[in-house]
């Protein structure tokens, strides 16, 4: 029966710790020791051949220096076996890579947003004039705004395509930002990483090419599907099992207030400063 079993991170996890780099160094050192002997062997054989043909006798026992010892053979084989059992590309690495993909998509959407927003930002000029006229309440200032609007109506008219692009880019940014945050937030959680590592080990699936990740906003989880088995593993990020990655919209806006992307925007610095670099505080 092909039944998809979705495993959710629980309270008790029993997994090994993150792989250390020692097995790699052991393999480098032990294999290099054998290669060094091989190099001496080739050089010795070449010299023996040359001198034999020339009629010269090499010292007895000089080939001993080129021999591979039993200790070297065992050390290399042990290092190979240890390396074969190691997992260096872990769930954390995999999740962070998925997060990077989402971040890249988010940046592309931000570029689209910036282009559309900059086109819309030209209305800041007429907005400023209209606000000043409204504050003074004089017919003269109101007439100035009217004449400005008449002269610039074509360039200041908001095109439907631009507004659609602006609105769509906002939705794309939100979606990719949430996806990236889910992957990165789970990658930063030791229990979740341990759970995914354990699940992949049980499924005998490598994170390099035998695991597929999916972010599911409707379920508030990140799910990993393993090629070698008929079940998946998932981690909630809404607090269902302890991990809560959500922040409030109020907090998002507060965080945004201090970001350069906002403090250098035309809506913050004003029309003259942004477009002409004049009147900047």
C-alpha atoms as a PDB file:
ATOM      1  CA  UNK A   1       0.000   0.000   0.000  1.00  0.00           C
ATOM      2  CA  UNK A   2       1.497   3.321  -1.067  1.00  0.00           C
ATOM      3  CA  UNK A   3       0.549   5.443   1.846  1.00  0.00           C
ATOM      4  CA  UNK A   4       2.237   8.780   2.424  1.00  0.00           C
ATOM      5  CA  UNK A   5       3.205   9.041   6.060  1.00  0.00           C
ATOM      6  CA  UNK A   6       3.902  12.595   7.146  1.00  0.00           C
ATOM      7  CA  UNK A   7       6.219  12.683  10.112  1.00  0.00           C
ATOM      8  CA  UNK A   8       5.985  15.744  12.323  1.00  0.00           C
ATOM      9  CA  UNK A   9       8.825  16.777  14.600  1.00  0.00           C
ATOM     10  CA  UNK A  10       8.249  15.363  18.074  1.00  0.00           C
ATOM     11  CA  UNK A  11       9.549  15.858  21.560  1.00  0.00           C
ATOM     12  CA  UNK A  12      12.123  13.092  21.511  1.00  0.00           C
ATOM     13  CA  UNK A  13      14.842  12.967  18.896  1.00  0.00           C
ATOM     14  CA  UNK A  14      17.765  10.578  18.860  1.00  0.00           C
ATOM     15  CA  UNK A  15      20.293  11.398  16.170  1.00  0.00           C
ATOM     16  CA  UNK A  16      23.992  11.779  15.795  1.00  0.00           C
ATOM     17  CA  UNK A  17      25.605  15.179  15.828  1.00  0.00           C
ATOM     18  CA  UNK A  18      26.812  17.110  12.830  1.00  0.00           C
ATOM     19  CA  UNK A  19      29.591  15.498  10.839  1.00  0.00           C
ATOM     20  CA  UNK A  20      33.080  16.671  11.646  1.00  0.00           C
ATOM     21  CA  UNK A  21      35.835  17.285   9.119  1.00  0.00           C
ATOM     22  CA  UNK A  22      38.324  14.764  10.654  1.00  0.00           C
ATOM     23  CA  UNK A  23      37.406  11.856   8.326  1.00  0.00           C
ATOM     24  CA  UNK A  24      38.116  14.072   5.351  1.00  0.00           C
ATOM     25  CA  UNK A  25      41.521  15.034   6.721  1.00  0.00           C
ATOM     26  CA  UNK A  26      42.250  11.393   7.515  1.00  0.00           C
ATOM     27  CA  UNK A  27      41.440  10.431   3.935  1.00  0.00           C
ATOM     28  CA  UNK A  28      43.621  13.221   2.575  1.00  0.00           C
ATOM     29  CA  UNK A  29      46.573  12.214   4.753  1.00  0.00           C
ATOM     30  CA  UNK A  30      46.285   8.446   4.319  1.00  0.00           C
ATOM     31  CA  UNK A  31      45.721   8.578   0.566  1.00  0.00           C
ATOM     32  CA  UNK A  32      48.573  11.040   0.132  1.00  0.00           C
ATOM     33  CA  UNK A  33      50.879   8.676   2.014  1.00  0.00           C
ATOM     34  CA  UNK A  34      50.064   5.916  -0.492  1.00  0.00           C
ATOM     35  CA  UNK A  35      50.415   8.288  -3.443  1.00  0.00           C
ATOM     36  CA  UNK A  36      53.824   9.400  -2.162  1.00  0.00           C
ATOM     37  CA  UNK A  37      54.965   5.774  -2.114  1.00  0.00           C
ATOM     38  CA  UNK A  38      53.551   5.296  -5.591  1.00  0.00           C
ATOM     39  CA  UNK A  39      55.511   8.294  -6.820  1.00  0.00           C
ATOM     40  CA  UNK A  40      58.722   6.911  -5.345  1.00  0.00           C
ATOM     41  CA  UNK A  41      57.889   3.551  -6.932  1.00  0.00           C
ATOM     42  CA  UNK A  42      57.502   4.980 -10.408  1.00  0.00           C
ATOM     43  CA  UNK A  43      60.692   6.985 -10.033  1.00  0.00           C
ATOM     44  CA  UNK A  44      62.601   3.964  -8.732  1.00  0.00           C
ATOM     45  CA  UNK A  45      61.412   1.679 -11.517  1.00  0.00           C
ATOM     46  CA  UNK A  46      62.275   4.283 -14.133  1.00  0.00           C
ATOM     47  CA  UNK A  47      65.759   4.651 -12.690  1.00  0.00           C
ATOM     48  CA  UNK A  48      66.310   0.926 -12.400  1.00  0.00           C
ATOM     49  CA  UNK A  49      65.251   0.419 -16.025  1.00  0.00           C
ATOM     50  CA  UNK A  50      67.526   3.179 -17.251  1.00  0.00           C
ATOM     51  CA  UNK A  51      70.589   2.003 -15.324  1.00  0.00           C
ATOM     52  CA  UNK A  52      70.008  -1.658 -16.196  1.00  0.00           C
ATOM     53  CA  UNK A  53      70.074  -0.791 -19.875  1.00  0.00           C
ATOM     54  CA  UNK A  54      73.187   1.309 -19.340  1.00  0.00           C
ATOM     55  CA  UNK A  55      74.979  -1.462 -17.448  1.00  0.00           C
ATOM     56  CA  UNK A  56      74.915   0.021 -13.949  1.00  0.00           C
ATOM     57  CA  UNK A  57      73.849  -1.851 -10.796  1.00  0.00           C
ATOM     58  CA  UNK A  58      71.500  -0.204  -8.291  1.00  0.00           C
ATOM     59  CA  UNK A  59      71.968  -0.686  -4.530  1.00  0.00           C
ATOM     60  CA  UNK A  60      70.275  -3.778  -3.082  1.00  0.00           C
ATOM     61  CA  UNK A  61      67.146  -3.023  -1.139  1.00  0.00           C
ATOM     62  CA  UNK A  62      66.583   0.509  -2.451  1.00  0.00           C
ATOM     63  CA  UNK A  63      63.072  -0.502  -3.575  1.00  0.00           C
ATOM     64  CA  UNK A  64      62.112  -0.881   0.078  1.00  0.00           C
ATOM     65  CA  UNK A  65      61.672   2.885   0.245  1.00  0.00           C
ATOM     66  CA  UNK A  66      58.933   2.663  -2.381  1.00  0.00           C
ATOM     67  CA  UNK A  67      56.942  -0.142  -0.806  1.00  0.00           C
ATOM     68  CA  UNK A  68      53.485   0.461   0.653  1.00  0.00           C
ATOM     69  CA  UNK A  69      53.329  -0.759   4.243  1.00  0.00           C
ATOM     70  CA  UNK A  70      50.487  -2.742   5.760  1.00  0.00           C
ATOM     71  CA  UNK A  71      49.873   0.153   8.153  1.00  0.00           C
ATOM     72  CA  UNK A  72      49.493   2.537   5.217  1.00  0.00           C
ATOM     73  CA  UNK A  73      47.111   0.172   3.438  1.00  0.00           C
ATOM     74  CA  UNK A  74      44.930  -0.253   6.526  1.00  0.00           C
ATOM     75  CA  UNK A  75      44.961   3.458   7.318  1.00  0.00           C
ATOM     76  CA  UNK A  76      43.786   4.304   3.805  1.00  0.00           C
ATOM     77  CA  UNK A  77      41.048   1.655   3.777  1.00  0.00           C
ATOM     78  CA  UNK A  78      39.804   2.728   7.211  1.00  0.00           C
ATOM     79  CA  UNK A  79      39.692   6.355   6.098  1.00  0.00           C
ATOM     80  CA  UNK A  80      37.782   5.374   2.973  1.00  0.00           C
ATOM     81  CA  UNK A  81      35.220   3.416   4.985  1.00  0.00           C
ATOM     82  CA  UNK A  82      34.786   6.236   7.477  1.00  0.00           C
ATOM     83  CA  UNK A  83      34.363   8.764   4.690  1.00  0.00           C
ATOM     84  CA  UNK A  84      31.755   6.600   2.956  1.00  0.00           C
ATOM     85  CA  UNK A  85      29.646   6.663   6.119  1.00  0.00           C
ATOM     86  CA  UNK A  86      29.793  10.430   6.603  1.00  0.00           C
ATOM     87  CA  UNK A  87      27.169  13.028   5.693  1.00  0.00           C
ATOM     88  CA  UNK A  88      28.693  16.436   5.187  1.00  0.00           C
ATOM     89  CA  UNK A  89      25.833  18.014   3.208  1.00  0.00           C
ATOM     90  CA  UNK A  90      23.217  17.970   5.951  1.00  0.00           C
ATOM     91  CA  UNK A  91      19.619  19.071   6.364  1.00  0.00           C
ATOM     92  CA  UNK A  92      20.873  22.465   7.546  1.00  0.00           C
ATOM     93  CA  UNK A  93      22.884  22.986   4.346  1.00  0.00           C
ATOM     94  CA  UNK A  94      19.983  21.767   2.220  1.00  0.00           C
ATOM     95  CA  UNK A  95      17.442  24.031   3.914  1.00  0.00           C
ATOM     96  CA  UNK A  96      19.715  27.058   3.682  1.00  0.00           C
ATOM     97  CA  UNK A  97      20.183  26.406  -0.034  1.00  0.00           C
ATOM     98  CA  UNK A  98      16.399  26.266  -0.477  1.00  0.00           C
ATOM     99  CA  UNK A  99      16.208  29.543   1.429  1.00  0.00           C
ATOM    100  CA  UNK A 100      18.791  31.096  -0.896  1.00  0.00           C
ATOM    101  CA  UNK A 101      16.680  30.142  -3.910  1.00  0.00           C
ATOM    102  CA  UNK A 102      13.643  31.834  -2.381  1.00  0.00           C
ATOM    103  CA  UNK A 103      15.722  34.889  -1.446  1.00  0.00           C
ATOM    104  CA  UNK A 104      16.951  35.168  -5.026  1.00  0.00           C
ATOM    105  CA  UNK A 105      13.382  35.044  -6.301  1.00  0.00           C
ATOM    106  CA  UNK A 106      12.421  37.657  -3.720  1.00  0.00           C
ATOM    107  CA  UNK A 107      15.182  39.995  -4.914  1.00  0.00           C
ATOM    108  CA  UNK A 108      13.967  39.635  -8.500  1.00  0.00           C
ATOM    109  CA  UNK A 109      10.466  40.571  -7.350  1.00  0.00           C
ATOM    110  CA  UNK A 110      11.901  43.527  -5.397  1.00  0.00           C
ATOM    111  CA  UNK A 111      13.560  44.772  -8.599  1.00  0.00           C
ATOM    112  CA  UNK A 112      10.175  44.653 -10.302  1.00  0.00           C
ATOM    113  CA  UNK A 113       8.582  46.452  -7.358  1.00  0.00           C
ATOM    114  CA  UNK A 114      11.266  49.152  -7.374  1.00  0.00           C
ATOM    115  CA  UNK A 115      10.824  49.808 -11.071  1.00  0.00           C
ATOM    116  CA  UNK A 116       7.057  50.129 -10.768  1.00  0.00           C
ATOM    117  CA  UNK A 117       7.212  52.081  -7.503  1.00  0.00           C
ATOM    118  CA  UNK A 118       9.664  54.577  -8.979  1.00  0.00           C
ATOM    119  CA  UNK A 119       7.296  55.219 -11.871  1.00  0.00           C
ATOM    120  CA  UNK A 120       4.461  55.803  -9.419  1.00  0.00           C
ATOM    121  CA  UNK A 121       6.615  57.984  -7.156  1.00  0.00           C
ATOM    122  CA  UNK A 122       6.548  60.877  -9.644  1.00  0.00           C
ATOM    123  CA  UNK A 123       3.129  61.750  -8.245  1.00  0.00           C
ATOM    124  CA  UNK A 124       4.918  62.879  -5.073  1.00  0.00           C
ATOM    125  CA  UNK A 125       5.572  66.209  -6.785  1.00  0.00           C
ATOM    126  CA  UNK A 126       1.918  66.965  -7.341  1.00  0.00           C
ATOM    127  CA  UNK A 127       1.103  65.534  -3.922  1.00  0.00           C
ATOM    128  CA  UNK A 128       3.469  68.014  -2.284  1.00  0.00           C
ATOM    129  CA  UNK A 129       2.024  70.940  -4.245  1.00  0.00           C
ATOM    130  CA  UNK A 130      -1.546  69.903  -3.458  1.00  0.00           C
ATOM    131  CA  UNK A 131      -0.818  69.505   0.255  1.00  0.00           C
ATOM    132  CA  UNK A 132       0.790  72.941   0.440  1.00  0.00           C
ATOM    133  CA  UNK A 133      -2.159  74.502  -1.379  1.00  0.00           C
ATOM    134  CA  UNK A 134      -4.586  72.755   0.933  1.00  0.00           C
ATOM    135  CA  UNK A 135      -2.731  74.090   3.966  1.00  0.00           C
ATOM    136  CA  UNK A 136      -2.695  77.698   2.763  1.00  0.00           C
ATOM    137  CA  UNK A 137      -6.262  77.526   1.489  1.00  0.00           C
ATOM    138  CA  UNK A 138      -5.675  80.295  -1.060  1.00  0.00           C
ATOM    139  CA  UNK A 139      -7.165  80.276  -4.525  1.00  0.00           C
ATOM    140  CA  UNK A 140      -3.802  81.325  -5.947  1.00  0.00           C
ATOM    141  CA  UNK A 141      -2.036  78.243  -4.638  1.00  0.00           C
ATOM    142  CA  UNK A 142      -4.914  76.048  -5.759  1.00  0.00           C
ATOM    143  CA  UNK A 143      -4.650  77.565  -9.238  1.00  0.00           C
ATOM    144  CA  UNK A 144      -0.943  76.783  -9.296  1.00  0.00           C
ATOM    145  CA  UNK A 145      -1.742  73.144  -8.652  1.00  0.00           C
ATOM    146  CA  UNK A 146      -4.429  73.171 -11.339  1.00  0.00           C
ATOM    147  CA  UNK A 147      -2.042  74.618 -13.901  1.00  0.00           C
ATOM    148  CA  UNK A 148       0.656  72.130 -12.936  1.00  0.00           C
ATOM    149  CA  UNK A 149      -1.802  69.269 -13.308  1.00  0.00           C
ATOM    150  CA  UNK A 150      -2.891  70.508 -16.712  1.00  0.00           C
ATOM    151  CA  UNK A 151       0.675  70.815 -17.946  1.00  0.00           C
ATOM    152  CA  UNK A 152       1.781  67.418 -16.623  1.00  0.00           C
ATOM    153  CA  UNK A 153      -1.391  65.337 -16.800  1.00  0.00           C
ATOM    154  CA  UNK A 154       0.021  62.923 -19.361  1.00  0.00           C
ATOM    155  CA  UNK A 155       3.204  62.139 -17.422  1.00  0.00           C
ATOM    156  CA  UNK A 156       1.495  62.016 -14.023  1.00  0.00           C
ATOM    157  CA  UNK A 157      -1.404  59.757 -15.002  1.00  0.00           C
ATOM    158  CA  UNK A 158      -1.147  56.359 -13.338  1.00  0.00           C
ATOM    159  CA  UNK A 159      -1.183  53.585 -15.903  1.00  0.00           C
ATOM    160  CA  UNK A 160      -3.169  50.463 -15.078  1.00  0.00           C
ATOM    161  CA  UNK A 161      -0.259  48.249 -16.167  1.00  0.00           C
ATOM    162  CA  UNK A 162       2.102  49.970 -13.753  1.00  0.00           C
ATOM    163  CA  UNK A 163      -0.291  49.612 -10.834  1.00  0.00           C
ATOM    164  CA  UNK A 164      -0.890  45.954 -11.673  1.00  0.00           C
ATOM    165  CA  UNK A 165       2.863  45.335 -11.796  1.00  0.00           C
ATOM    166  CA  UNK A 166       3.289  47.119  -8.472  1.00  0.00           C
ATOM    167  CA  UNK A 167       0.534  45.129  -6.767  1.00  0.00           C
ATOM    168  CA  UNK A 168       1.664  41.802  -8.218  1.00  0.00           C
ATOM    169  CA  UNK A 169       5.255  42.381  -7.169  1.00  0.00           C
ATOM    170  CA  UNK A 170       4.126  43.012  -3.596  1.00  0.00           C
ATOM    171  CA  UNK A 171       2.381  39.639  -3.524  1.00  0.00           C
ATOM    172  CA  UNK A 172       5.439  37.924  -5.016  1.00  0.00           C
ATOM    173  CA  UNK A 173       7.757  39.540  -2.482  1.00  0.00           C
ATOM    174  CA  UNK A 174       5.548  38.493   0.411  1.00  0.00           C
ATOM    175  CA  UNK A 175       5.328  34.905  -0.833  1.00  0.00           C
ATOM    176  CA  UNK A 176       9.051  34.483  -1.459  1.00  0.00           C
ATOM    177  CA  UNK A 177       9.944  36.241   1.803  1.00  0.00           C
ATOM    178  CA  UNK A 178       7.740  33.837   3.752  1.00  0.00           C
ATOM    179  CA  UNK A 179       9.187  30.833   1.930  1.00  0.00           C
ATOM    180  CA  UNK A 180      12.777  31.941   2.514  1.00  0.00           C
ATOM    181  CA  UNK A 181      12.084  32.671   6.174  1.00  0.00           C
ATOM    182  CA  UNK A 182      10.546  29.228   6.687  1.00  0.00           C
ATOM    183  CA  UNK A 183      13.566  27.421   5.259  1.00  0.00           C
ATOM    184  CA  UNK A 184      16.100  29.615   7.052  1.00  0.00           C
ATOM    185  CA  UNK A 185      14.194  29.604  10.346  1.00  0.00           C
ATOM    186  CA  UNK A 186      13.951  25.814  10.365  1.00  0.00           C
ATOM    187  CA  UNK A 187      17.627  25.529   9.375  1.00  0.00           C
ATOM    188  CA  UNK A 188      18.433  27.629  12.461  1.00  0.00           C
ATOM    189  CA  UNK A 189      16.484  25.276  14.742  1.00  0.00           C
ATOM    190  CA  UNK A 190      18.661  22.417  16.018  1.00  0.00           C
ATOM    191  CA  UNK A 191      15.757  20.062  16.797  1.00  0.00           C
ATOM    192  CA  UNK A 192      14.220  20.465  13.352  1.00  0.00           C
ATOM    193  CA  UNK A 193      17.561  19.922  11.616  1.00  0.00           C
ATOM    194  CA  UNK A 194      18.210  16.824  13.726  1.00  0.00           C
ATOM    195  CA  UNK A 195      14.769  15.474  12.848  1.00  0.00           C
ATOM    196  CA  UNK A 196      15.283  15.974   9.119  1.00  0.00           C
ATOM    197  CA  UNK A 197      18.788  14.471   9.271  1.00  0.00           C
ATOM    198  CA  UNK A 198      17.421  11.435  11.074  1.00  0.00           C
ATOM    199  CA  UNK A 199      14.536  11.092   8.608  1.00  0.00           C
ATOM    200  CA  UNK A 200      16.888  11.237   5.622  1.00  0.00           C
ATOM    201  CA  UNK A 201      19.154   8.639   7.212  1.00  0.00           C
ATOM    202  CA  UNK A 202      16.216   6.300   7.808  1.00  0.00           C
ATOM    203  CA  UNK A 203      15.086   6.832   4.224  1.00  0.00           C
ATOM    204  CA  UNK A 204      18.629   6.242   2.955  1.00  0.00           C
ATOM    205  CA  UNK A 205      18.290   9.424   0.916  1.00  0.00           C
ATOM    206  CA  UNK A 206      21.050  11.944   0.245  1.00  0.00           C
ATOM    207  CA  UNK A 207      20.294  15.654   0.519  1.00  0.00           C
ATOM    208  CA  UNK A 208      22.473  16.161  -2.547  1.00  0.00           C
ATOM    209  CA  UNK A 209      20.043  14.652  -5.067  1.00  0.00           C
ATOM    210  CA  UNK A 210      17.475  12.400  -3.380  1.00  0.00           C
ATOM    211  CA  UNK A 211      15.383  14.860  -1.350  1.00  0.00           C
ATOM    212  CA  UNK A 212      12.773  17.375  -2.558  1.00  0.00           C
ATOM    213  CA  UNK A 213      11.644  20.269  -0.400  1.00  0.00           C
ATOM    214  CA  UNK A 214       8.332  22.082  -0.494  1.00  0.00           C
ATOM    215  CA  UNK A 215       7.087  25.078   1.463  1.00  0.00           C
ATOM    216  CA  UNK A 216       3.365  24.837   2.148  1.00  0.00           C
ATOM    217  CA  UNK A 217       1.835  28.015   3.520  1.00  0.00           C
ATOM    218  CA  UNK A 218      -1.590  26.417   3.792  1.00  0.00           C
ATOM    219  CA  UNK A 219      -0.271  23.833   6.261  1.00  0.00           C
ATOM    220  CA  UNK A 220       2.344  26.070   7.885  1.00  0.00           C
ATOM    221  CA  UNK A 221       5.065  23.500   7.348  1.00  0.00           C
ATOM    222  CA  UNK A 222       8.118  22.646   5.288  1.00  0.00           C
ATOM    223  CA  UNK A 223       7.939  19.113   3.902  1.00  0.00           C
ATOM    224  CA  UNK A 224      10.753  16.936   2.617  1.00  0.00           C
ATOM    225  CA  UNK A 225      10.019  14.061   0.249  1.00  0.00           C
ATOM    226  CA  UNK A 226      12.573  11.252  -0.020  1.00  0.00           C
ATOM    227  CA  UNK A 227      13.181   9.456  -3.306  1.00  0.00           C
ATOM    228  CA  UNK A 228      13.910   6.073  -1.737  1.00  0.00           C
ATOM    229  CA  UNK A 229      10.774   5.652   0.399  1.00  0.00           C
ATOM    230  CA  UNK A 230       7.041   6.347   0.191  1.00  0.00           C
ATOM    231  CA  UNK A 231       6.797   8.751   3.126  1.00  0.00           C
ATOM    232  CA  UNK A 232       7.752  12.335   3.854  1.00  0.00           C
ATOM    233  CA  UNK A 233       8.922  14.353   6.846  1.00  0.00           C
ATOM    234  CA  UNK A 234       7.561  17.765   7.765  1.00  0.00           C
ATOM    235  CA  UNK A 235       8.152  20.431  10.383  1.00  0.00           C
ATOM    236  CA  UNK A 236       5.494  22.936  11.420  1.00  0.00           C
ATOM    237  CA  UNK A 237       6.603  26.533  11.875  1.00  0.00           C
ATOM    238  CA  UNK A 238       3.430  27.909  13.482  1.00  0.00           C
ATOM    239  CA  UNK A 239       4.081  26.730  17.037  1.00  0.00           C
ATOM    240  CA  UNK A 240       2.178  23.451  16.662  1.00  0.00           C
ATOM    241  CA  UNK A 241       5.212  21.519  17.874  1.00  0.00           C
ATOM    242  CA  UNK A 242       7.057  24.363  19.548  1.00  0.00           C
ATOM    243  CA  UNK A 243       8.736  26.144  16.626  1.00  0.00           C
ATOM    244  CA  UNK A 244       6.990  29.452  15.893  1.00  0.00           C
ATOM    245  CA  UNK A 245       8.582  31.589  13.176  1.00  0.00           C
ATOM    246  CA  UNK A 246       5.791  34.109  12.744  1.00  0.00           C
ATOM    247  CA  UNK A 247       6.124  37.815  13.514  1.00  0.00           C
ATOM    248  CA  UNK A 248       3.364  40.410  13.564  1.00  0.00           C
ATOM    249  CA  UNK A 249       2.708  42.869  10.743  1.00  0.00           C
ATOM    250  CA  UNK A 250       3.407  45.641  13.261  1.00  0.00           C
ATOM    251  CA  UNK A 251       6.868  44.214  13.889  1.00  0.00           C
ATOM    252  CA  UNK A 252       7.555  43.885  10.176  1.00  0.00           C
ATOM    253  CA  UNK A 253       6.736  47.565   9.626  1.00  0.00           C
ATOM    254  CA  UNK A 254       8.846  48.584  12.627  1.00  0.00           C
ATOM    255  CA  UNK A 255      11.779  46.601  11.264  1.00  0.00           C
ATOM    256  CA  UNK A 256      11.259  48.146   7.847  1.00  0.00           C
ATOM    257  CA  UNK A 257      11.497  51.672   9.220  1.00  0.00           C
ATOM    258  CA  UNK A 258      15.172  51.217   9.948  1.00  0.00           C
ATOM    259  CA  UNK A 259      16.160  49.607   6.654  1.00  0.00           C
ATOM    260  CA  UNK A 260      18.088  51.535   3.987  1.00  0.00           C
ATOM    261  CA  UNK A 261      15.672  50.324   1.318  1.00  0.00           C
ATOM    262  CA  UNK A 262      13.002  52.391   3.068  1.00  0.00           C
ATOM    263  CA  UNK A 263      15.055  55.341   4.325  1.00  0.00           C
ATOM    264  CA  UNK A 264      16.439  55.940   0.822  1.00  0.00           C
ATOM    265  CA  UNK A 265      13.061  55.601  -0.899  1.00  0.00           C
ATOM    266  CA  UNK A 266      11.224  58.544  -2.506  1.00  0.00           C
ATOM    267  CA  UNK A 267       8.331  58.201  -0.070  1.00  0.00           C
ATOM    268  CA  UNK A 268      10.791  58.795   2.799  1.00  0.00           C
ATOM    269  CA  UNK A 269      13.265  61.359   1.423  1.00  0.00           C
ATOM    270  CA  UNK A 270      10.771  63.187  -0.802  1.00  0.00           C
ATOM    271  CA  UNK A 271      10.449  63.903  -4.484  1.00  0.00           C
ATOM    272  CA  UNK A 272      13.184  66.546  -4.885  1.00  0.00           C
ATOM    273  CA  UNK A 273      15.738  64.623  -2.876  1.00  0.00           C
ATOM    274  CA  UNK A 274      15.143  61.293  -4.589  1.00  0.00           C
ATOM    275  CA  UNK A 275      14.908  62.448  -8.189  1.00  0.00           C
ATOM    276  CA  UNK A 276      17.167  65.524  -8.133  1.00  0.00           C
ATOM    277  CA  UNK A 277      19.233  65.099  -4.960  1.00  0.00           C
ATOM    278  CA  UNK A 278      18.196  68.523  -3.721  1.00  0.00           C
ATOM    279  CA  UNK A 279      16.457  69.495  -0.496  1.00  0.00           C
ATOM    280  CA  UNK A 280      17.797  66.423   1.299  1.00  0.00           C
ATOM    281  CA  UNK A 281      18.173  66.727   5.067  1.00  0.00           C
END
